[in-house]
Amino acid sequence: MNLILHSNKIDDYLKHDDVIDFENEAVSKLADALFQKADRGEDAVTCAASEVLRAGHGICFAKSHLLAALLRAKSVPAGFCYQKLILDDETAPVLIYHGLNGLYIKARKKWIRLDARGNKAGVNAQFSLETERLAFAVRPELGEEDGFVIYPAPDVKVVEKLRNAKTRTELWANLPEELGYWSN
């Protein structure tokens, strides 16, 4: 599929007018609310898709559960992928897991990975059929690992940690050190 732009000026696709009236207070407030929901920093832990939807938040694993549920509800095959990344280079230089989704694009007859995590400053995950644009680049030289396997169910150790943690603070202190799929 070759997309054709009517205008080569990117600003034309950002214009406000009387139909695309994003400066309207109600439209602006909804846009703000949707963008803020991407990473609210709530301390409550969610796991199941319905919990994430009800609470309006979740960490990467929980968001991947919701995205898979939404895709599967529309008969789009979706699974789960994992990366092992450094939590924070300066304040928490420990390796942790990050949850992603794999989904099958029937029209292209191919699987792709995408990140349901949500964007914020320094994080720019995007849906793309051609070039993978995940939230975080893997840095093998620092011990980080990319997981290219698409699993049909969430990892049992991840689910266990999500369900047993009472708060996000508790979860961060007790993230799985290995995945159940990898220890079999």
N, C-alpha and C. Protein backbone atom coordinates (compact mmCIF):
# COMPACT_ATOMS: atom_id res chain seq x y z
N MET A 1 0.84 -1.17 0.00
CA MET A 1 0.00 0.00 0.00
C MET A 1 0.89 1.23 0.00
N ASN A 2 0.76 2.07 -1.00
CA ASN A 2 1.49 3.33 -1.06
C ASN A 2 0.57 4.46 -0.71
N LEU A 3 0.88 5.13 0.38
CA LEU A 3 0.08 6.27 0.78
C LEU A 3 0.53 7.50 0.01
N ILE A 4 -0.41 8.32 -0.35
CA ILE A 4 -0.11 9.53 -1.11
C ILE A 4 -0.58 10.73 -0.32
N LEU A 5 0.32 11.65 -0.06
CA LEU A 5 -0.04 12.88 0.65
C LEU A 5 -0.55 13.91 -0.35
N HIS A 6 -1.65 14.52 -0.04
CA HIS A 6 -2.20 15.58 -0.88
C HIS A 6 -1.33 16.82 -0.79
N SER A 7 -0.76 17.06 0.38
CA SER A 7 0.15 18.19 0.61
C SER A 7 1.45 17.65 1.18
N ASN A 8 2.55 18.21 0.77
CA ASN A 8 3.85 17.82 1.32
C ASN A 8 4.24 18.66 2.53
N LYS A 9 3.37 19.57 2.96
CA LYS A 9 3.64 20.40 4.12
C LYS A 9 3.05 19.73 5.35
N ILE A 10 3.91 19.29 6.27
CA ILE A 10 3.43 18.59 7.46
C ILE A 10 2.51 19.46 8.30
N ASP A 11 2.75 20.77 8.30
CA ASP A 11 1.90 21.68 9.08
C ASP A 11 0.45 21.67 8.61
N ASP A 12 0.22 21.33 7.36
CA ASP A 12 -1.16 21.24 6.87
C ASP A 12 -1.93 20.15 7.60
N TYR A 13 -1.22 19.16 8.12
CA TYR A 13 -1.86 18.06 8.83
C TYR A 13 -1.95 18.31 10.33
N LEU A 14 -1.60 19.53 10.73
CA LEU A 14 -1.70 19.94 12.13
C LEU A 14 -2.61 21.15 12.31
N LYS A 15 -3.26 21.58 11.25
CA LYS A 15 -4.06 22.80 11.27
C LYS A 15 -5.34 22.66 12.08
N HIS A 16 -5.68 23.75 12.70
CA HIS A 16 -6.95 23.91 13.39
C HIS A 16 -7.88 24.70 12.47
N ASP A 17 -9.13 24.30 12.37
CA ASP A 17 -10.11 25.10 11.63
C ASP A 17 -11.48 24.91 12.26
N ASP A 18 -12.55 25.35 11.61
CA ASP A 18 -13.87 25.26 12.24
C ASP A 18 -14.42 23.84 12.28
N VAL A 19 -13.84 22.91 11.56
CA VAL A 19 -14.27 21.51 11.61
C VAL A 19 -13.32 20.71 12.52
N ILE A 20 -12.04 20.89 12.34
CA ILE A 20 -11.04 20.23 13.19
C ILE A 20 -10.69 21.23 14.29
N ASP A 21 -11.63 21.42 15.18
CA ASP A 21 -11.55 22.49 16.18
C ASP A 21 -10.98 22.00 17.51
N PHE A 22 -9.74 21.54 17.45
CA PHE A 22 -9.13 20.98 18.65
C PHE A 22 -8.83 22.02 19.72
N GLU A 23 -8.96 23.29 19.39
CA GLU A 23 -8.81 24.32 20.42
C GLU A 23 -10.09 24.53 21.23
N ASN A 24 -11.18 23.89 20.81
CA ASN A 24 -12.42 23.91 21.59
C ASN A 24 -12.12 23.32 22.95
N GLU A 25 -12.66 23.94 24.01
CA GLU A 25 -12.33 23.53 25.37
C GLU A 25 -12.64 22.05 25.64
N ALA A 26 -13.79 21.58 25.20
CA ALA A 26 -14.16 20.18 25.46
C ALA A 26 -13.24 19.21 24.71
N VAL A 27 -12.92 19.53 23.47
CA VAL A 27 -12.01 18.68 22.68
C VAL A 27 -10.62 18.70 23.30
N SER A 28 -10.16 19.86 23.68
CA SER A 28 -8.85 20.00 24.29
C SER A 28 -8.74 19.24 25.61
N LYS A 29 -9.79 19.32 26.44
CA LYS A 29 -9.79 18.61 27.71
C LYS A 29 -9.76 17.09 27.50
N LEU A 30 -10.53 16.60 26.53
CA LEU A 30 -10.51 15.17 26.25
C LEU A 30 -9.14 14.73 25.76
N ALA A 31 -8.53 15.50 24.87
CA ALA A 31 -7.19 15.17 24.39
C ALA A 31 -6.20 15.14 25.55
N ASP A 32 -6.29 16.11 26.44
CA ASP A 32 -5.40 16.14 27.62
C ASP A 32 -5.62 14.91 28.49
N ALA A 33 -6.88 14.56 28.72
CA ALA A 33 -7.20 13.42 29.58
C ALA A 33 -6.68 12.12 28.97
N LEU A 34 -6.85 11.94 27.66
CA LEU A 34 -6.39 10.73 27.00
C LEU A 34 -4.87 10.63 27.04
N PHE A 35 -4.19 11.74 26.83
CA PHE A 35 -2.74 11.72 26.87
C PHE A 35 -2.23 11.48 28.28
N GLN A 36 -2.89 12.03 29.28
CA GLN A 36 -2.47 11.83 30.66
C GLN A 36 -2.69 10.40 31.12
N LYS A 37 -3.68 9.73 30.58
CA LYS A 37 -3.97 8.36 30.99
C LYS A 37 -2.89 7.39 30.55
N ALA A 38 -2.04 7.82 29.62
CA ALA A 38 -1.00 6.91 29.12
C ALA A 38 -0.04 6.48 30.23
N ASP A 39 0.28 7.34 31.14
CA ASP A 39 1.24 7.01 32.19
C ASP A 39 0.91 7.86 33.41
N ARG A 40 -0.05 7.41 34.19
CA ARG A 40 -0.56 8.23 35.28
C ARG A 40 0.23 8.10 36.57
N GLY A 41 1.09 7.09 36.68
CA GLY A 41 1.87 6.93 37.89
C GLY A 41 1.07 6.48 39.09
N GLU A 42 -0.08 5.87 38.86
CA GLU A 42 -0.91 5.38 39.96
C GLU A 42 -0.18 4.28 40.71
N ASP A 43 -0.43 4.15 42.00
CA ASP A 43 0.24 3.14 42.80
C ASP A 43 -0.51 1.81 42.81
N ALA A 44 -1.78 1.81 42.44
CA ALA A 44 -2.56 0.57 42.39
C ALA A 44 -2.08 -0.27 41.21
N VAL A 45 -2.02 -1.58 41.40
CA VAL A 45 -1.55 -2.49 40.37
C VAL A 45 -2.75 -3.15 39.69
N THR A 46 -2.74 -3.16 38.36
CA THR A 46 -3.78 -3.84 37.59
C THR A 46 -3.13 -4.97 36.80
N CYS A 47 -3.92 -5.95 36.41
CA CYS A 47 -3.39 -7.09 35.65
C CYS A 47 -4.31 -7.45 34.49
N ALA A 48 -5.54 -7.82 34.79
CA ALA A 48 -6.49 -8.25 33.76
C ALA A 48 -6.93 -7.06 32.90
N ALA A 49 -7.27 -7.35 31.66
CA ALA A 49 -7.71 -6.30 30.74
C ALA A 49 -8.84 -5.47 31.34
N SER A 50 -9.82 -6.12 31.94
CA SER A 50 -10.96 -5.40 32.51
C SER A 50 -10.54 -4.50 33.68
N GLU A 51 -9.54 -4.92 34.45
CA GLU A 51 -9.04 -4.09 35.56
C GLU A 51 -8.36 -2.84 35.02
N VAL A 52 -7.57 -3.00 33.96
CA VAL A 52 -6.87 -1.86 33.35
C VAL A 52 -7.90 -0.87 32.81
N LEU A 53 -8.91 -1.38 32.15
CA LEU A 53 -9.95 -0.53 31.58
C LEU A 53 -10.72 0.20 32.68
N ARG A 54 -11.08 -0.51 33.72
CA ARG A 54 -11.85 0.09 34.83
C ARG A 54 -11.02 1.15 35.56
N ALA A 55 -9.74 0.84 35.82
CA ALA A 55 -8.88 1.77 36.57
C ALA A 55 -8.36 2.90 35.69
N GLY A 56 -8.28 2.66 34.39
CA GLY A 56 -7.76 3.68 33.49
C GLY A 56 -6.25 3.79 33.50
N HIS A 57 -5.57 2.75 34.02
CA HIS A 57 -4.11 2.77 34.04
C HIS A 57 -3.57 1.36 34.22
N GLY A 58 -2.28 1.25 34.02
CA GLY A 58 -1.57 -0.01 34.24
C GLY A 58 -0.15 0.13 33.76
N ILE A 59 0.74 -0.73 34.26
CA ILE A 59 2.10 -0.70 33.75
C ILE A 59 2.13 -1.44 32.41
N CYS A 60 3.27 -1.50 31.79
CA CYS A 60 3.38 -2.04 30.43
C CYS A 60 2.72 -3.41 30.28
N PHE A 61 2.96 -4.31 31.24
CA PHE A 61 2.38 -5.65 31.15
C PHE A 61 0.86 -5.59 31.11
N ALA A 62 0.29 -4.83 32.01
CA ALA A 62 -1.17 -4.72 32.10
C ALA A 62 -1.75 -4.08 30.83
N LYS A 63 -1.08 -3.07 30.32
CA LYS A 63 -1.54 -2.43 29.08
C LYS A 63 -1.48 -3.41 27.92
N SER A 64 -0.45 -4.27 27.90
CA SER A 64 -0.37 -5.26 26.83
C SER A 64 -1.51 -6.28 26.95
N HIS A 65 -1.94 -6.57 28.17
CA HIS A 65 -3.07 -7.48 28.37
C HIS A 65 -4.35 -6.86 27.80
N LEU A 66 -4.56 -5.57 28.08
CA LEU A 66 -5.75 -4.89 27.55
C LEU A 66 -5.71 -4.82 26.03
N LEU A 67 -4.56 -4.45 25.47
CA LEU A 67 -4.47 -4.35 24.02
C LEU A 67 -4.74 -5.71 23.37
N ALA A 68 -4.18 -6.77 23.91
CA ALA A 68 -4.44 -8.10 23.35
C ALA A 68 -5.92 -8.45 23.43
N ALA A 69 -6.55 -8.12 24.54
CA ALA A 69 -7.99 -8.40 24.69
C ALA A 69 -8.80 -7.64 23.65
N LEU A 70 -8.49 -6.38 23.45
CA LEU A 70 -9.22 -5.57 22.46
C LEU A 70 -9.03 -6.12 21.05
N LEU A 71 -7.79 -6.48 20.72
CA LEU A 71 -7.52 -7.02 19.38
C LEU A 71 -8.20 -8.37 19.18
N ARG A 72 -8.09 -9.23 20.17
CA ARG A 72 -8.70 -10.55 20.05
C ARG A 72 -10.23 -10.47 19.97
N ALA A 73 -10.81 -9.47 20.63
CA ALA A 73 -12.26 -9.28 20.56
C ALA A 73 -12.70 -8.99 19.13
N LYS A 74 -11.80 -8.49 18.33
CA LYS A 74 -12.08 -8.19 16.92
C LYS A 74 -11.39 -9.18 15.99
N SER A 75 -11.07 -10.36 16.52
CA SER A 75 -10.48 -11.47 15.76
C SER A 75 -9.11 -11.14 15.16
N VAL A 76 -8.37 -10.28 15.82
CA VAL A 76 -7.00 -10.00 15.41
C VAL A 76 -6.09 -10.81 16.32
N PRO A 77 -5.33 -11.76 15.78
CA PRO A 77 -4.44 -12.56 16.62
C PRO A 77 -3.40 -11.66 17.32
N ALA A 78 -3.29 -11.81 18.62
CA ALA A 78 -2.37 -10.99 19.40
C ALA A 78 -1.73 -11.83 20.49
N GLY A 79 -0.45 -11.57 20.74
CA GLY A 79 0.28 -12.28 21.77
C GLY A 79 1.16 -11.34 22.57
N PHE A 80 2.15 -11.90 23.23
CA PHE A 80 2.96 -11.15 24.20
C PHE A 80 4.45 -11.37 23.95
N CYS A 81 5.20 -10.29 24.02
CA CYS A 81 6.66 -10.31 23.85
C CYS A 81 7.27 -9.59 25.05
N TYR A 82 8.55 -9.88 25.29
CA TYR A 82 9.22 -9.28 26.44
C TYR A 82 10.62 -8.83 26.08
N GLN A 83 11.02 -7.70 26.65
CA GLN A 83 12.38 -7.20 26.56
C GLN A 83 12.94 -7.11 27.97
N LYS A 84 14.23 -7.32 28.11
CA LYS A 84 14.89 -7.11 29.40
C LYS A 84 15.71 -5.83 29.25
N LEU A 85 15.34 -4.82 30.05
CA LEU A 85 15.92 -3.48 29.93
C LEU A 85 16.39 -2.96 31.28
N ILE A 86 17.28 -2.00 31.24
CA ILE A 86 17.69 -1.32 32.47
C ILE A 86 16.57 -0.38 32.88
N LEU A 87 16.14 -0.47 34.13
CA LEU A 87 15.03 0.34 34.62
C LEU A 87 15.32 1.83 34.47
N ASP A 88 16.45 2.28 34.99
CA ASP A 88 16.85 3.68 34.86
C ASP A 88 18.38 3.73 34.96
N ASP A 89 19.01 4.27 33.95
CA ASP A 89 20.48 4.28 33.90
C ASP A 89 21.12 4.90 35.13
N GLU A 90 20.50 5.95 35.66
CA GLU A 90 21.13 6.68 36.77
C GLU A 90 20.62 6.26 38.14
N THR A 91 19.31 6.15 38.29
CA THR A 91 18.76 5.91 39.63
C THR A 91 18.50 4.44 39.94
N ALA A 92 18.30 3.61 38.91
CA ALA A 92 18.01 2.19 39.15
C ALA A 92 18.62 1.35 38.02
N PRO A 93 19.94 1.18 38.02
CA PRO A 93 20.59 0.45 36.93
C PRO A 93 20.46 -1.07 37.07
N VAL A 94 19.22 -1.54 37.18
CA VAL A 94 18.94 -2.96 37.28
C VAL A 94 18.12 -3.40 36.07
N LEU A 95 18.32 -4.66 35.68
CA LEU A 95 17.58 -5.19 34.53
C LEU A 95 16.19 -5.63 34.97
N ILE A 96 15.19 -5.18 34.22
CA ILE A 96 13.79 -5.55 34.47
C ILE A 96 13.16 -5.95 33.14
N TYR A 97 11.99 -6.52 33.20
CA TYR A 97 11.27 -6.88 31.98
C TYR A 97 10.30 -5.78 31.58
N HIS A 98 10.11 -5.67 30.28
CA HIS A 98 9.15 -4.74 29.69
C HIS A 98 8.23 -5.56 28.79
N GLY A 99 6.92 -5.35 28.90
CA GLY A 99 5.95 -6.13 28.13
C GLY A 99 5.50 -5.42 26.87
N LEU A 100 5.42 -6.18 25.79
CA LEU A 100 4.98 -5.69 24.48
C LEU A 100 3.91 -6.63 23.92
N ASN A 101 3.38 -6.27 22.79
CA ASN A 101 2.46 -7.15 22.08
C ASN A 101 3.03 -7.52 20.73
N GLY A 102 2.66 -8.71 20.28
CA GLY A 102 2.86 -9.11 18.90
C GLY A 102 1.48 -9.27 18.31
N LEU A 103 1.28 -8.81 17.09
CA LEU A 103 -0.02 -9.00 16.46
C LEU A 103 0.13 -9.35 15.00
N TYR A 104 -0.83 -10.10 14.52
CA TYR A 104 -0.79 -10.58 13.14
C TYR A 104 -1.61 -9.65 12.25
N ILE A 105 -0.96 -9.17 11.21
CA ILE A 105 -1.63 -8.32 10.22
C ILE A 105 -2.00 -9.22 9.04
N LYS A 106 -3.24 -9.63 9.01
CA LYS A 106 -3.70 -10.61 8.03
C LYS A 106 -3.47 -10.14 6.59
N ALA A 107 -3.76 -8.88 6.30
CA ALA A 107 -3.61 -8.36 4.95
C ALA A 107 -2.17 -8.41 4.47
N ARG A 108 -1.24 -8.31 5.40
CA ARG A 108 0.20 -8.36 5.07
C ARG A 108 0.80 -9.74 5.29
N LYS A 109 0.03 -10.63 5.91
CA LYS A 109 0.51 -11.97 6.25
C LYS A 109 1.82 -11.90 7.03
N LYS A 110 1.81 -11.04 8.05
CA LYS A 110 3.01 -10.92 8.86
C LYS A 110 2.67 -10.50 10.29
N TRP A 111 3.55 -10.90 11.18
CA TRP A 111 3.46 -10.49 12.58
C TRP A 111 4.32 -9.25 12.78
N ILE A 112 3.87 -8.36 13.65
CA ILE A 112 4.66 -7.21 14.04
C ILE A 112 4.60 -7.08 15.56
N ARG A 113 5.55 -6.38 16.12
CA ARG A 113 5.52 -6.07 17.55
C ARG A 113 5.15 -4.61 17.69
N LEU A 114 4.41 -4.32 18.75
CA LEU A 114 4.11 -2.93 19.08
C LEU A 114 4.02 -2.77 20.58
N ASP A 115 4.10 -1.53 21.01
CA ASP A 115 4.22 -1.22 22.43
C ASP A 115 3.00 -0.46 22.90
N ALA A 116 2.26 -1.06 23.82
CA ALA A 116 1.04 -0.43 24.35
C ALA A 116 1.36 0.50 25.52
N ARG A 117 2.61 0.66 25.86
CA ARG A 117 3.05 1.38 27.04
C ARG A 117 2.53 2.80 27.14
N GLY A 118 2.50 3.51 26.06
CA GLY A 118 2.12 4.92 26.10
C GLY A 118 3.34 5.80 26.05
N ASN A 119 3.20 6.94 25.45
CA ASN A 119 4.33 7.85 25.27
C ASN A 119 4.37 8.92 26.33
N LYS A 120 5.55 9.44 26.55
CA LYS A 120 5.80 10.59 27.41
C LYS A 120 7.13 11.17 26.96
N ALA A 121 7.63 12.16 27.64
CA ALA A 121 8.91 12.75 27.26
C ALA A 121 9.98 11.67 27.17
N GLY A 122 10.64 11.59 26.02
CA GLY A 122 11.70 10.61 25.81
C GLY A 122 11.23 9.24 25.36
N VAL A 123 9.92 9.04 25.27
CA VAL A 123 9.37 7.75 24.84
C VAL A 123 8.43 8.02 23.67
N ASN A 124 8.72 7.42 22.52
CA ASN A 124 7.92 7.68 21.33
C ASN A 124 7.64 6.39 20.56
N ALA A 125 6.82 5.53 21.12
CA ALA A 125 6.42 4.30 20.45
C ALA A 125 5.34 4.64 19.43
N GLN A 126 5.42 4.03 18.25
CA GLN A 126 4.46 4.30 17.20
C GLN A 126 4.09 3.00 16.50
N PHE A 127 2.88 2.92 16.01
CA PHE A 127 2.46 1.79 15.19
C PHE A 127 3.06 1.95 13.80
N SER A 128 3.69 0.91 13.31
CA SER A 128 4.26 0.95 11.96
C SER A 128 4.28 -0.46 11.39
N LEU A 129 3.89 -0.58 10.15
CA LEU A 129 3.96 -1.88 9.47
C LEU A 129 5.34 -2.12 8.88
N GLU A 130 6.09 -1.07 8.69
CA GLU A 130 7.38 -1.20 8.01
C GLU A 130 8.57 -1.18 8.96
N THR A 131 8.59 -0.23 9.89
CA THR A 131 9.73 -0.06 10.79
C THR A 131 9.25 -0.14 12.22
N GLU A 132 9.81 -1.06 12.98
CA GLU A 132 9.41 -1.20 14.37
C GLU A 132 9.80 0.05 15.16
N ARG A 133 8.82 0.60 15.90
CA ARG A 133 9.06 1.83 16.68
C ARG A 133 8.55 1.58 18.10
N LEU A 134 9.36 0.87 18.88
CA LEU A 134 9.00 0.53 20.25
C LEU A 134 9.41 1.66 21.19
N ALA A 135 8.94 1.59 22.43
CA ALA A 135 9.22 2.64 23.41
C ALA A 135 10.70 2.74 23.74
N PHE A 136 11.40 1.59 23.77
CA PHE A 136 12.78 1.60 24.21
C PHE A 136 13.66 0.80 23.26
N ALA A 137 14.83 1.34 22.94
CA ALA A 137 15.81 0.62 22.14
C ALA A 137 16.62 -0.29 23.07
N VAL A 138 16.86 -1.50 22.63
CA VAL A 138 17.63 -2.47 23.41
C VAL A 138 19.12 -2.18 23.21
N ARG A 139 19.84 -2.18 24.33
CA ARG A 139 21.28 -1.91 24.31
C ARG A 139 22.01 -3.17 24.81
N PRO A 140 22.34 -4.08 23.89
CA PRO A 140 22.98 -5.34 24.28
C PRO A 140 24.29 -5.13 25.04
N GLU A 141 25.02 -4.07 24.73
CA GLU A 141 26.29 -3.80 25.40
C GLU A 141 26.12 -3.55 26.90
N LEU A 142 24.88 -3.26 27.33
CA LEU A 142 24.59 -3.06 28.75
C LEU A 142 23.88 -4.26 29.37
N GLY A 143 23.81 -5.34 28.61
CA GLY A 143 23.17 -6.56 29.11
C GLY A 143 21.68 -6.64 28.80
N GLU A 144 21.15 -5.65 28.10
CA GLU A 144 19.73 -5.68 27.75
C GLU A 144 19.49 -6.74 26.66
N GLU A 145 18.30 -7.31 26.67
CA GLU A 145 17.96 -8.38 25.72
C GLU A 145 16.62 -8.10 25.07
N ASP A 146 16.53 -8.41 23.78
CA ASP A 146 15.27 -8.27 23.06
C ASP A 146 14.65 -9.65 22.89
N GLY A 147 13.37 -9.75 23.15
CA GLY A 147 12.67 -11.02 22.98
C GLY A 147 11.83 -10.98 21.73
N PHE A 148 12.14 -11.85 20.80
CA PHE A 148 11.42 -11.85 19.53
C PHE A 148 10.35 -12.93 19.45
N VAL A 149 10.20 -13.71 20.51
CA VAL A 149 9.16 -14.74 20.54
C VAL A 149 7.83 -14.08 20.90
N ILE A 150 6.78 -14.47 20.19
CA ILE A 150 5.44 -13.99 20.49
C ILE A 150 4.71 -15.14 21.18
N TYR A 151 4.42 -14.95 22.45
CA TYR A 151 3.77 -15.98 23.26
C TYR A 151 2.25 -15.82 23.19
N PRO A 152 1.51 -16.92 23.24
CA PRO A 152 0.05 -16.83 23.14
C PRO A 152 -0.63 -16.39 24.43
N ALA A 153 0.08 -16.44 25.54
CA ALA A 153 -0.50 -16.04 26.83
C ALA A 153 0.53 -15.21 27.59
N PRO A 154 0.08 -14.35 28.50
CA PRO A 154 1.03 -13.59 29.32
C PRO A 154 1.89 -14.54 30.15
N ASP A 155 3.12 -14.14 30.40
CA ASP A 155 4.03 -14.97 31.19
C ASP A 155 3.46 -15.18 32.59
N VAL A 156 3.53 -16.42 33.07
CA VAL A 156 2.94 -16.77 34.37
C VAL A 156 3.62 -16.04 35.53
N LYS A 157 4.92 -15.83 35.44
CA LYS A 157 5.62 -15.13 36.53
C LYS A 157 5.26 -13.65 36.56
N VAL A 158 5.07 -13.05 35.40
CA VAL A 158 4.63 -11.65 35.33
C VAL A 158 3.24 -11.53 35.94
N VAL A 159 2.33 -12.40 35.54
CA VAL A 159 0.96 -12.36 36.07
C VAL A 159 0.97 -12.56 37.58
N GLU A 160 1.76 -13.51 38.05
CA GLU A 160 1.86 -13.76 39.48
C GLU A 160 2.32 -12.51 40.24
N LYS A 161 3.34 -11.85 39.73
CA LYS A 161 3.86 -10.64 40.39
C LYS A 161 2.81 -9.53 40.38
N LEU A 162 2.11 -9.37 39.25
CA LEU A 162 1.06 -8.34 39.17
C LEU A 162 -0.06 -8.63 40.16
N ARG A 163 -0.48 -9.86 40.23
CA ARG A 163 -1.60 -10.22 41.11
C ARG A 163 -1.24 -10.19 42.59
N ASN A 164 0.02 -10.43 42.92
CA ASN A 164 0.43 -10.47 44.33
C ASN A 164 0.85 -9.12 44.89
N ALA A 165 1.21 -8.19 44.02
CA ALA A 165 1.65 -6.87 44.51
C ALA A 165 0.43 -6.03 44.89
N LYS A 166 0.52 -5.42 46.04
CA LYS A 166 -0.58 -4.56 46.49
C LYS A 166 -0.43 -3.13 45.97
N THR A 167 0.83 -2.72 45.70
CA THR A 167 1.10 -1.38 45.18
C THR A 167 2.17 -1.45 44.11
N ARG A 168 2.25 -0.41 43.29
CA ARG A 168 3.29 -0.33 42.27
C ARG A 168 4.66 -0.29 42.93
N THR A 169 4.77 0.39 44.05
CA THR A 169 6.04 0.46 44.77
C THR A 169 6.50 -0.95 45.16
N GLU A 170 5.57 -1.75 45.67
CA GLU A 170 5.88 -3.13 46.04
C GLU A 170 6.26 -3.94 44.80
N LEU A 171 5.55 -3.72 43.70
CA LEU A 171 5.83 -4.44 42.46
C LEU A 171 7.23 -4.12 41.95
N TRP A 172 7.59 -2.83 41.95
CA TRP A 172 8.93 -2.43 41.45
C TRP A 172 10.03 -3.11 42.24
N ALA A 173 9.81 -3.32 43.51
CA ALA A 173 10.82 -3.96 44.37
C ALA A 173 10.85 -5.47 44.18
N ASN A 174 9.88 -6.01 43.43
CA ASN A 174 9.75 -7.46 43.35
C ASN A 174 9.41 -7.94 41.93
N LEU A 175 9.96 -7.27 40.93
CA LEU A 175 9.71 -7.69 39.55
C LEU A 175 10.37 -9.04 39.29
N PRO A 176 9.80 -9.84 38.37
CA PRO A 176 10.39 -11.15 38.10
C PRO A 176 11.80 -11.01 37.53
N GLU A 177 12.68 -11.88 38.00
CA GLU A 177 14.06 -11.87 37.51
C GLU A 177 14.22 -12.74 36.29
N GLU A 178 13.28 -13.63 36.07
CA GLU A 178 13.25 -14.41 34.85
C GLU A 178 11.79 -14.68 34.51
N LEU A 179 11.56 -15.03 33.27
CA LEU A 179 10.19 -15.30 32.83
C LEU A 179 9.93 -16.80 32.91
N GLY A 180 8.69 -17.14 33.17
CA GLY A 180 8.30 -18.53 33.25
C GLY A 180 8.52 -19.26 31.94
N TYR A 181 8.29 -18.58 30.82
CA TYR A 181 8.50 -19.21 29.52
C TYR A 181 9.95 -19.60 29.33
N TRP A 182 10.86 -18.78 29.88
CA TRP A 182 12.29 -19.02 29.68
C TRP A 182 12.85 -20.04 30.64
N SER A 183 12.15 -20.32 31.72
CA SER A 183 12.68 -21.26 32.71
C SER A 183 12.18 -22.68 32.47
N ASN A 184 11.32 -22.87 31.47
CA ASN A 184 10.81 -24.22 31.16
C ASN A 184 11.85 -25.03 30.43
